[in-house]
C-alpha atoms as a PDB file:
ATOM      1  CA  MET A   1     -30.766 -86.925  58.116  1.00  0.00           C
ATOM      2  CA  ASP A   2     -29.945 -86.532  54.441  1.00  0.00           C
ATOM      3  CA  GLN A   3     -27.367 -85.458  53.367  1.00  0.00           C
ATOM      4  CA  THR A   4     -29.053 -83.057  50.273  1.00  0.00           C
ATOM      5  CA  ALA A   5     -31.223 -81.761  53.582  1.00  0.00           C
ATOM      6  CA  ARG A   6     -28.316 -80.500  55.323  1.00  0.00           C
ATOM      7  CA  ASP A   7     -26.874 -78.891  52.257  1.00  0.00           C
ATOM      8  CA  PRO A   8     -28.410 -74.654  51.853  1.00  0.00           C
ATOM      9  CA  LEU A   9     -26.891 -75.063  48.176  1.00  0.00           C
ATOM     10  CA  HIS A  10     -29.501 -77.976  47.485  1.00  0.00           C
ATOM     11  CA  GLY A  11     -32.216 -77.913  45.219  1.00  0.00           C
ATOM     12  CA  LYS A  12     -31.357 -73.389  44.763  1.00  0.00           C
ATOM     13  CA  THR A  13     -30.877 -72.518  40.899  1.00  0.00           C
ATOM     14  CA  LEU A  14     -27.457 -69.865  40.402  1.00  0.00           C
ATOM     15  CA  GLU A  15     -30.688 -67.165  40.190  1.00  0.00           C
ATOM     16  CA  HIS A  16     -31.406 -66.634  43.351  1.00  0.00           C
ATOM     17  CA  ILE A  17     -29.260 -66.833  44.993  1.00  0.00           C
ATOM     18  CA  VAL A  18     -27.679 -63.865  43.008  1.00  0.00           C
ATOM     19  CA  THR A  19     -30.687 -62.707  43.193  1.00  0.00           C
ATOM     20  CA  THR A  20     -31.586 -62.936  47.464  1.00  0.00           C
ATOM     21  CA  LEU A  21     -28.430 -61.535  47.394  1.00  0.00           C
ATOM     22  CA  VAL A  22     -28.901 -58.251  45.945  1.00  0.00           C
ATOM     23  CA  GLU A  23     -32.330 -58.382  47.407  1.00  0.00           C
ATOM     24  CA  HIS A  24     -30.333 -58.393  50.876  1.00  0.00           C
ATOM     25  CA  HIS A  25     -27.433 -56.497  50.094  1.00  0.00           C
ATOM     26  CA  GLY A  26     -27.116 -54.556  47.296  1.00  0.00           C
ATOM     27  CA  TRP A  27     -25.302 -54.073  43.785  1.00  0.00           C
ATOM     28  CA  GLU A  28     -22.849 -51.333  46.046  1.00  0.00           C
ATOM     29  CA  GLU A  29     -22.027 -53.851  48.741  1.00  0.00           C
ATOM     30  CA  LEU A  30     -22.404 -57.063  46.972  1.00  0.00           C
ATOM     31  CA  GLY A  31     -19.431 -55.605  44.689  1.00  0.00           C
ATOM     32  CA  GLY A  32     -17.482 -54.603  47.970  1.00  0.00           C
ATOM     33  CA  LEU A  33     -18.275 -58.370  50.040  1.00  0.00           C
ATOM     34  CA  ILE A  34     -17.021 -59.939  46.649  1.00  0.00           C
ATOM     35  CA  PRO A  35     -14.954 -57.332  44.349  1.00  0.00           C
ATOM     36  CA  ILE A  36     -15.649 -58.395  40.461  1.00  0.00           C
ATOM     37  CA  ARG A  37     -16.924 -56.378  37.782  1.00  0.00           C
ATOM     38  CA  CYS A  38     -19.805 -57.704  37.155  1.00  0.00           C
ATOM     39  CA  PHE A  39     -20.936 -56.936  40.455  1.00  0.00           C
ATOM     40  CA  THR A  40     -19.289 -53.433  40.205  1.00  0.00           C
ATOM     41  CA  HIS A  41     -20.063 -51.663  36.682  1.00  0.00           C
ATOM     42  CA  ASP A  42     -23.408 -51.756  35.418  1.00  0.00           C
ATOM     43  CA  PRO A  43     -24.552 -54.710  37.118  1.00  0.00           C
ATOM     44  CA  SER A  44     -27.899 -56.763  35.739  1.00  0.00           C
ATOM     45  CA  VAL A  45     -29.081 -60.259  37.702  1.00  0.00           C
ATOM     46  CA  LYS A  46     -27.996 -61.640  33.480  1.00  0.00           C
ATOM     47  CA  SER A  47     -24.896 -60.091  32.731  1.00  0.00           C
ATOM     48  CA  SER A  48     -23.810 -61.857  36.756  1.00  0.00           C
ATOM     49  CA  LEU A  49     -25.286 -65.013  36.277  1.00  0.00           C
ATOM     50  CA  VAL A  50     -23.225 -64.863  32.292  1.00  0.00           C
ATOM     51  CA  PHE A  51     -20.421 -65.100  34.175  1.00  0.00           C
ATOM     52  CA  LEU A  52     -20.272 -66.707  37.053  1.00  0.00           C
ATOM     53  CA  ARG A  53     -21.418 -69.906  35.305  1.00  0.00           C
ATOM     54  CA  LYS A  54     -18.002 -69.534  33.424  1.00  0.00           C
ATOM     55  CA  THR A  55     -16.248 -68.692  36.553  1.00  0.00           C
ATOM     56  CA  PRO A  56     -15.901 -71.026  39.168  1.00  0.00           C
ATOM     57  CA  TRP A  57     -13.763 -69.461  41.850  1.00  0.00           C
ATOM     58  CA  ALA A  58     -15.946 -66.317  42.051  1.00  0.00           C
ATOM     59  CA  ARG A  59     -19.271 -68.974  41.853  1.00  0.00           C
ATOM     60  CA  ALA A  60     -17.821 -70.631  44.395  1.00  0.00           C
ATOM     61  CA  LYS A  61     -17.534 -66.670  46.570  1.00  0.00           C
ATOM     62  CA  VAL A  62     -20.997 -66.273  45.886  1.00  0.00           C
ATOM     63  CA  GLU A  63     -22.043 -69.723  46.976  1.00  0.00           C
ATOM     64  CA  GLN A  64     -19.904 -68.785  49.922  1.00  0.00           C
ATOM     65  CA  LEU A  65     -21.738 -65.637  50.563  1.00  0.00           C
ATOM     66  CA  TYR A  66     -25.291 -67.294  50.333  1.00  0.00           C
ATOM     67  CA  VAL A  67     -24.080 -69.896  52.332  1.00  0.00           C
ATOM     68  CA  ARG A  68     -23.647 -67.559  55.636  1.00  0.00           C
ATOM     69  CA  HIS A  69     -25.751 -65.410  54.106  1.00  0.00           C
ATOM     70  CA  VAL A  70     -29.103 -68.441  54.750  1.00  0.00           C
ATOM     71  CA  ARG A  71     -26.751 -69.630  58.358  1.00  0.00           C
ATOM     72  CA  TYR A  72     -26.239 -66.271  60.153  1.00  0.00           C
ATOM     73  CA  GLY A  73     -28.917 -63.740  57.873  1.00  0.00           C
ATOM     74  CA  ASN A  74     -32.467 -64.130  57.500  1.00  0.00           C
ATOM     75  CA  GLY A  75     -32.152 -67.904  57.225  1.00  0.00           C
ATOM     76  CA  ARG A  76     -35.720 -67.988  54.838  1.00  0.00           C
ATOM     77  CA  ASP A  77     -34.515 -68.861  51.431  1.00  0.00           C
END
């Protein structure tokens, strides 16, 4: 089996990842799970993408949460 076929992030944009997490958790819960300002103060997908693209540690936390969501959550994404 190809490594990319097993990678839940393969082919997923950061926008898709953030949107999926917001749809599943909502902004308030997402801000509780990953307490960063772009999720807790006047959140939007656009402002979150700007921050996450410039902040590797925050992006890594979001990607890790998404992977857990795919593996243990609904698994449809």
